[in-house]
Amino acid sequence: MNKKNRLNLDELKKITLSNHQLLVSILPELGGSISEFKANLRNQDNSSNWIHIMTPTKKTFSSPWETSSFLMAPYPNRIRDGQFVFNNKSYQLEKKETHALHGDVCARAWNVTKQNKDNCSLEFSSIAYPDINFPFPFSMKQNIKLKTQSLLLECSIKNEHSSTIPVGFGFHPYFRRSLIENVSTESSQLPLISFNSSGHYTCEGNVPLPLNMQIKKNEQLNFSSAKPLVENLDHCFADWDGKATIFWPDLNKSLTMSTSKNLGHLVIYSPENQNFFAFEPQSQMIDGFNFFKDNGDSTGVIALEPLSEIKAWIELEIS
């Protein structure tokens, strides 16, 4: 697939899982990315009322980053200048001008290994792609499962190299700022967000990158009690407890996000005047590979031994 070409959603293979309450569509040719996630919120007369919870993918789009949700691996978010040092050896990735962003699995085709009405499993091997933007071989699995009221996203990564390698992963869902269709951003009510963390990293630049390991505590960005989503936000929060609630007052509906403990960092991206925001649980801090040498496990970077495998998951429950 030529990443430079516009993608047509109708021309891509799509796997749809559904039950009476939820629907999710998956794109195996684009890393198992999600093209839509809807919930049946039902009208007062109990008739069906299917509402997009994640921002639906447009009919034509330019990359998997514009889908409803995608997997970031074998590193999440940014690596400064696409360069890092591991075990005293320097590595240069491609796309250094954009800081080697979001890994390199979401634009690759994954093999479907299992599929039924509420479950889909996929697998991927980097060995099949000589141009993979990562210096070490690895393999991955994904499992996407619908429960009665929740969506479970699971992934694993395995080191296929003869030596220990650095890895990380994360999930990148885009949620709608308002659940009401065709409402302007000026008139919509901001969702209320709540989660616990120790604070956020101090970053610099138009593409924010941390200056150091210092955690900043800012009352405006303290979401331990529910408060409206902040606009112009592009921050990485540290030591969050893997439990968050998003409440949409316009329809009086909530989403609870739970995650595995190894997704200890959370990035929130909330651009101004847009009807979406990203809520990204991930294993490591932004540019974690470059802080790992001096700071080790506190960065969230995983030093994965040969043939070892590590798993992560997030679950999204609608109420």
Protein backbone atom coordinates (compact mmCIF):
# COMPACT_ATOMS: atom_id res chain seq x y z
CA MET A 1 0.00 0.00 0.00
CA ASN A 2 1.35 3.41 -0.96
CA LYS A 3 1.05 5.55 2.16
CA LYS A 4 1.20 8.74 0.07
CA ASN A 5 -2.08 7.97 -1.73
CA ARG A 6 -5.47 8.92 -0.37
CA LEU A 7 -7.24 5.96 1.16
CA ASN A 8 -10.84 5.08 0.32
CA LEU A 9 -12.69 3.52 3.22
CA ASP A 10 -15.08 1.63 0.92
CA GLU A 11 -12.16 -0.09 -0.83
CA LEU A 12 -10.60 -1.45 2.36
CA LYS A 13 -11.47 -4.79 3.90
CA LYS A 14 -13.62 -4.18 6.96
CA ILE A 15 -14.56 -6.57 9.77
CA THR A 16 -17.57 -5.51 11.84
CA LEU A 17 -18.35 -6.89 15.28
CA SER A 18 -21.71 -6.09 16.84
CA ASN A 19 -24.24 -6.93 19.51
CA HIS A 20 -27.45 -5.24 20.67
CA GLN A 21 -25.53 -2.42 22.35
CA LEU A 22 -22.21 -1.89 20.56
CA LEU A 23 -20.63 -1.97 17.10
CA VAL A 24 -16.98 -1.75 16.10
CA SER A 25 -15.40 -1.96 12.63
CA ILE A 26 -11.79 -3.04 12.10
CA LEU A 27 -9.40 -2.48 9.18
CA PRO A 28 -6.92 -5.41 8.96
CA GLU A 29 -5.06 -3.78 6.05
CA LEU A 30 -4.33 -0.78 8.27
CA GLY A 31 -2.90 -2.40 11.36
CA GLY A 32 -6.23 -3.48 12.77
CA SER A 33 -7.18 0.18 13.17
CA ILE A 34 -10.77 0.95 14.11
CA SER A 35 -12.88 2.82 11.56
CA GLU A 36 -15.90 3.32 13.85
CA PHE A 37 -17.14 2.56 17.34
CA LYS A 38 -20.83 3.10 18.06
CA ALA A 39 -23.17 2.54 20.99
CA ASN A 40 -26.92 2.02 20.99
CA LEU A 41 -27.93 4.66 23.52
CA ARG A 42 -31.66 4.10 22.84
CA ASN A 43 -34.43 6.67 22.78
CA GLN A 44 -37.00 7.17 25.53
CA ASP A 45 -39.36 4.76 23.76
CA ASN A 46 -36.53 2.15 23.78
CA SER A 47 -36.04 2.38 20.02
CA SER A 48 -32.48 2.10 18.73
CA ASN A 49 -30.33 5.21 18.61
CA TRP A 50 -26.83 4.38 17.37
CA ILE A 51 -24.31 7.09 18.27
CA HIS A 52 -20.65 7.35 17.29
CA ILE A 53 -18.53 7.35 20.45
CA MET A 54 -15.21 7.58 18.60
CA THR A 55 -14.79 10.03 15.74
CA PRO A 56 -15.82 8.07 12.62
CA THR A 57 -13.28 7.66 9.85
CA LYS A 58 -14.01 9.77 6.78
CA LYS A 59 -14.77 8.13 3.43
CA THR A 60 -11.39 9.28 2.11
CA PHE A 61 -8.39 9.91 4.35
CA SER A 62 -4.62 10.11 4.11
CA SER A 63 -3.29 7.78 6.82
CA PRO A 64 -4.27 5.40 9.63
CA TRP A 65 -3.68 8.31 12.00
CA GLU A 66 -7.04 9.61 10.75
CA THR A 67 -8.99 6.50 11.71
CA SER A 68 -11.14 6.27 14.85
CA SER A 69 -8.37 4.50 16.77
CA PHE A 70 -5.02 2.89 15.98
CA LEU A 71 -2.26 0.94 17.70
CA MET A 72 1.11 2.59 18.35
CA ALA A 73 4.05 0.15 18.36
CA PRO A 74 6.88 -0.78 18.73
CA TYR A 75 7.11 2.71 20.22
CA PRO A 76 4.31 5.15 21.02
CA ASN A 77 4.32 8.85 20.33
CA ARG A 78 7.60 10.63 19.46
CA ILE A 79 11.32 9.87 19.43
CA ARG A 80 13.29 13.12 19.19
CA ASP A 81 14.85 13.46 15.71
CA GLY A 82 14.13 9.75 15.20
CA GLN A 83 17.36 8.91 17.03
CA PHE A 84 18.07 6.98 20.22
CA VAL A 85 20.82 5.06 22.00
CA PHE A 86 20.32 1.60 23.48
CA ASN A 87 23.06 -0.52 25.06
CA ASN A 88 25.63 2.08 24.00
CA LYS A 89 24.72 1.85 20.32
CA SER A 90 23.08 4.67 18.36
CA TYR A 91 20.14 4.08 16.04
CA GLN A 92 18.67 6.46 13.45
CA LEU A 93 15.06 5.95 12.36
CA GLU A 94 13.41 7.44 9.31
CA LYS A 95 11.25 10.57 9.43
CA LYS A 96 13.61 12.32 11.81
CA GLU A 97 12.06 15.67 10.80
CA THR A 98 8.78 14.58 12.40
CA HIS A 99 10.45 12.83 15.35
CA ALA A 100 9.59 9.24 14.29
CA LEU A 101 5.98 9.39 15.42
CA HIS A 102 3.56 6.62 16.56
CA GLY A 103 5.61 3.55 15.60
CA ASP A 104 5.22 1.60 12.36
CA VAL A 105 2.48 -1.03 12.57
CA CYS A 106 -0.74 0.88 11.96
CA ALA A 107 -0.10 1.31 8.21
CA ARG A 108 0.83 -2.36 7.73
CA ALA A 109 -1.45 -5.23 6.78
CA TRP A 110 -2.13 -7.70 9.60
CA ASN A 111 -3.29 -11.29 9.16
CA VAL A 112 -6.70 -12.21 10.55
CA THR A 113 -6.38 -15.43 12.59
CA LYS A 114 -9.84 -15.57 14.17
CA GLN A 115 -13.17 -13.94 13.53
CA ASN A 116 -16.72 -14.31 14.82
CA LYS A 117 -19.61 -11.99 15.60
CA ASP A 118 -18.02 -10.43 18.69
CA ASN A 119 -14.30 -11.23 18.47
CA CYS A 120 -11.42 -10.69 16.01
CA SER A 121 -7.76 -11.70 16.36
CA LEU A 122 -4.88 -10.50 14.17
CA GLU A 123 -1.14 -11.03 13.99
CA PHE A 124 1.85 -9.23 12.49
CA SER A 125 5.54 -9.94 11.87
CA SER A 126 8.00 -7.14 11.16
CA ILE A 127 10.18 -9.62 9.25
CA ALA A 128 7.65 -9.46 6.41
CA TYR A 129 8.46 -5.75 5.93
CA PRO A 130 12.12 -4.98 5.10
CA ASP A 131 11.32 -1.24 5.26
CA ILE A 132 9.96 -1.37 8.83
CA ASN A 133 11.02 1.77 10.71
CA PHE A 134 12.61 -0.08 13.65
CA PRO A 135 16.07 -1.70 13.86
CA PHE A 136 14.99 -4.91 15.63
CA PRO A 137 12.68 -7.76 14.52
CA PHE A 138 9.46 -8.24 16.48
CA SER A 139 6.03 -9.79 16.15
CA MET A 140 2.65 -8.72 17.52
CA LYS A 141 -0.86 -9.95 18.17
CA GLN A 142 -4.12 -8.10 18.64
CA ASN A 143 -7.48 -9.22 19.94
CA ILE A 144 -10.57 -7.04 19.67
CA LYS A 145 -13.61 -8.21 21.61
CA LEU A 146 -17.09 -6.86 22.18
CA LYS A 147 -18.73 -7.55 25.52
CA THR A 148 -22.30 -6.61 26.40
CA GLN A 149 -21.45 -3.02 27.39
CA SER A 150 -17.75 -2.69 26.62
CA LEU A 151 -15.03 -2.93 23.99
CA LEU A 152 -11.83 -4.76 24.94
CA LEU A 153 -8.63 -4.06 22.95
CA GLU A 154 -5.67 -6.34 23.68
CA CYS A 155 -2.21 -6.45 22.13
CA SER A 156 1.12 -8.16 22.69
CA ILE A 157 4.62 -7.68 21.35
CA LYS A 158 7.34 -10.33 21.17
CA ASN A 159 11.08 -9.81 20.77
CA GLU A 160 12.25 -11.88 17.77
CA HIS A 161 15.83 -10.61 18.11
CA SER A 162 18.80 -12.44 19.66
CA SER A 163 19.41 -9.60 22.14
CA THR A 164 17.31 -7.46 24.48
CA ILE A 165 15.49 -4.63 22.68
CA PRO A 166 13.58 -1.50 23.80
CA VAL A 167 9.86 -1.53 23.03
CA GLY A 168 6.69 0.30 23.91
CA PHE A 169 3.09 0.45 22.79
CA GLY A 170 -0.07 2.44 23.20
CA PHE A 171 -3.62 2.93 21.96
CA HIS A 172 -4.72 6.09 20.15
CA PRO A 173 -8.52 6.49 20.20
CA TYR A 174 -10.18 9.72 19.08
CA PHE A 175 -13.36 10.49 21.00
CA ARG A 176 -16.01 12.95 19.96
CA ARG A 177 -16.18 16.18 21.90
CA SER A 178 -19.95 16.19 21.51
CA LEU A 179 -22.14 13.13 20.90
CA ILE A 180 -24.79 15.24 19.20
CA GLU A 181 -24.56 15.12 15.41
CA ASN A 182 -23.70 18.28 13.45
CA VAL A 183 -23.37 20.49 16.50
CA SER A 184 -20.89 23.35 16.28
CA THR A 185 -17.90 23.36 18.60
CA GLU A 186 -18.98 26.81 19.85
CA SER A 187 -22.37 25.60 21.04
CA SER A 188 -21.42 22.11 22.25
CA GLN A 189 -20.80 21.30 25.89
CA LEU A 190 -17.30 20.13 26.71
CA PRO A 191 -17.08 16.58 28.10
CA LEU A 192 -16.03 16.17 31.72
CA ILE A 193 -12.79 14.25 32.28
CA SER A 194 -11.54 12.55 35.42
CA PHE A 195 -8.43 10.47 36.18
CA ASN A 196 -5.58 10.41 38.70
CA SER A 197 -1.94 11.09 37.86
CA SER A 198 1.18 12.54 39.49
CA GLY A 199 1.24 15.40 36.97
CA HIS A 200 2.55 16.04 33.47
CA TYR A 201 5.96 16.40 31.87
CA THR A 202 7.33 19.82 30.96
CA CYS A 203 7.62 19.94 27.18
CA GLU A 204 8.88 22.38 24.54
CA GLY A 205 8.42 23.08 20.84
CA ASN A 206 5.55 23.11 18.36
CA VAL A 207 5.72 19.32 18.51
CA PRO A 208 5.98 18.93 22.29
CA LEU A 209 8.95 16.95 23.60
CA PRO A 210 9.95 16.71 27.27
CA LEU A 211 12.91 18.71 28.53
CA ASN A 212 13.63 16.36 31.41
CA MET A 213 11.99 13.88 33.79
CA GLN A 214 10.48 16.61 35.96
CA ILE A 215 6.78 16.21 36.67
CA LYS A 216 4.79 19.45 36.80
CA LYS A 217 1.66 19.79 38.89
CA ASN A 218 -0.82 22.28 37.50
CA GLU A 219 -4.23 22.73 39.12
CA GLN A 220 -5.81 23.51 35.75
CA LEU A 221 -4.64 20.09 34.55
CA ASN A 222 -5.48 18.21 37.73
CA PHE A 223 -8.31 15.89 36.70
CA SER A 224 -8.60 13.96 39.98
CA SER A 225 -12.13 15.36 40.17
CA ALA A 226 -14.21 15.75 37.02
CA LYS A 227 -13.66 18.96 35.10
CA PRO A 228 -14.28 20.11 31.51
CA LEU A 229 -11.82 19.04 28.82
CA VAL A 230 -9.13 21.67 28.32
CA GLU A 231 -8.61 22.87 24.75
CA ASN A 232 -5.16 23.39 23.19
CA LEU A 233 -3.91 20.42 25.18
CA ASP A 234 -1.07 18.16 24.04
CA HIS A 235 0.37 16.77 27.27
CA CYS A 236 1.78 13.54 28.63
CA PHE A 237 0.64 12.63 32.15
CA ALA A 238 2.76 10.38 34.35
CA ASP A 239 1.82 7.62 36.77
CA TRP A 240 -1.85 7.64 35.95
CA ASP A 241 -3.80 4.85 37.62
CA GLY A 242 -5.28 3.28 34.48
CA LYS A 243 -8.82 4.40 35.20
CA ALA A 244 -10.53 7.35 33.54
CA THR A 245 -14.07 8.58 32.99
CA ILE A 246 -15.32 10.71 30.13
CA PHE A 247 -18.81 12.16 30.67
CA TRP A 248 -20.78 13.80 27.86
CA PRO A 249 -23.36 16.14 29.44
CA ASP A 250 -25.15 16.71 26.14
CA LEU A 251 -26.51 13.14 26.23
CA ASN A 252 -25.84 12.29 29.89
CA LYS A 253 -23.60 9.36 28.92
CA SER A 254 -20.26 8.15 30.24
CA LEU A 255 -17.33 6.09 29.04
CA THR A 256 -15.06 4.41 31.57
CA MET A 257 -11.58 3.49 30.37
CA SER A 258 -9.60 0.83 32.23
CA THR A 259 -6.10 -0.27 31.22
CA SER A 260 -3.37 -2.74 32.09
CA LYS A 261 -0.85 -1.47 34.64
CA ASN A 262 1.98 -1.31 32.09
CA LEU A 263 0.21 1.54 30.27
CA GLY A 264 1.33 3.99 32.93
CA HIS A 265 1.40 7.15 30.80
CA LEU A 266 -1.47 9.05 29.26
CA VAL A 267 -1.33 11.58 26.42
CA ILE A 268 -4.29 13.89 25.85
CA TYR A 269 -4.47 15.82 22.59
CA SER A 270 -7.30 18.35 22.42
CA PRO A 271 -6.99 20.85 19.55
CA GLU A 272 -9.01 24.04 19.62
CA ASN A 273 -12.30 24.24 17.70
CA GLN A 274 -12.36 20.58 16.71
CA ASN A 275 -15.10 18.05 17.53
CA PHE A 276 -12.61 15.41 18.68
CA PHE A 277 -9.89 14.77 21.22
CA ALA A 278 -7.37 11.95 21.59
CA PHE A 279 -7.04 10.04 24.88
CA GLU A 280 -3.95 7.85 24.52
CA PRO A 281 -2.86 5.35 27.19
CA GLN A 282 0.70 4.21 26.50
CA SER A 283 3.56 2.42 28.16
CA GLN A 284 6.17 5.14 28.10
CA MET A 285 6.65 8.87 28.29
CA ILE A 286 7.12 10.89 25.11
CA ASP A 287 10.69 10.33 23.82
CA GLY A 288 11.11 7.61 26.43
CA PHE A 289 13.84 5.81 24.46
CA ASN A 290 16.14 8.80 24.90
CA PHE A 291 15.54 9.05 28.65
CA PHE A 292 15.85 5.33 29.30
CA LYS A 293 19.66 5.18 29.62
CA ASP A 294 19.74 7.47 32.67
CA ASN A 295 16.28 6.84 34.11
CA GLY A 296 15.45 3.21 33.39
CA ASP A 297 12.04 1.79 34.24
CA SER A 298 10.61 5.15 35.34
CA THR A 299 10.41 6.12 31.66
CA GLY A 300 8.02 3.24 30.98
CA VAL A 301 10.30 1.84 28.27
CA ILE A 302 10.27 -1.97 28.27
CA ALA A 303 13.62 -3.75 27.88
CA LEU A 304 12.33 -6.96 26.33
CA GLU A 305 14.55 -10.02 26.44
CA PRO A 306 14.94 -12.39 23.44
CA LEU A 307 11.76 -14.35 22.63
CA SER A 308 9.95 -12.69 25.54
CA GLU A 309 6.45 -11.30 25.09
CA ILE A 310 4.54 -8.58 26.91
CA LYS A 311 0.82 -7.81 26.76
CA ALA A 312 -1.35 -4.74 27.29
CA TRP A 313 -5.03 -3.95 27.11
CA ILE A 314 -7.65 -1.24 27.40
CA GLU A 315 -11.37 -1.66 28.02
CA LEU A 316 -14.00 0.95 27.17
CA GLU A 317 -17.34 0.62 28.96
CA ILE A 318 -20.40 2.70 28.07
CA SER A 319 -22.97 3.67 30.69
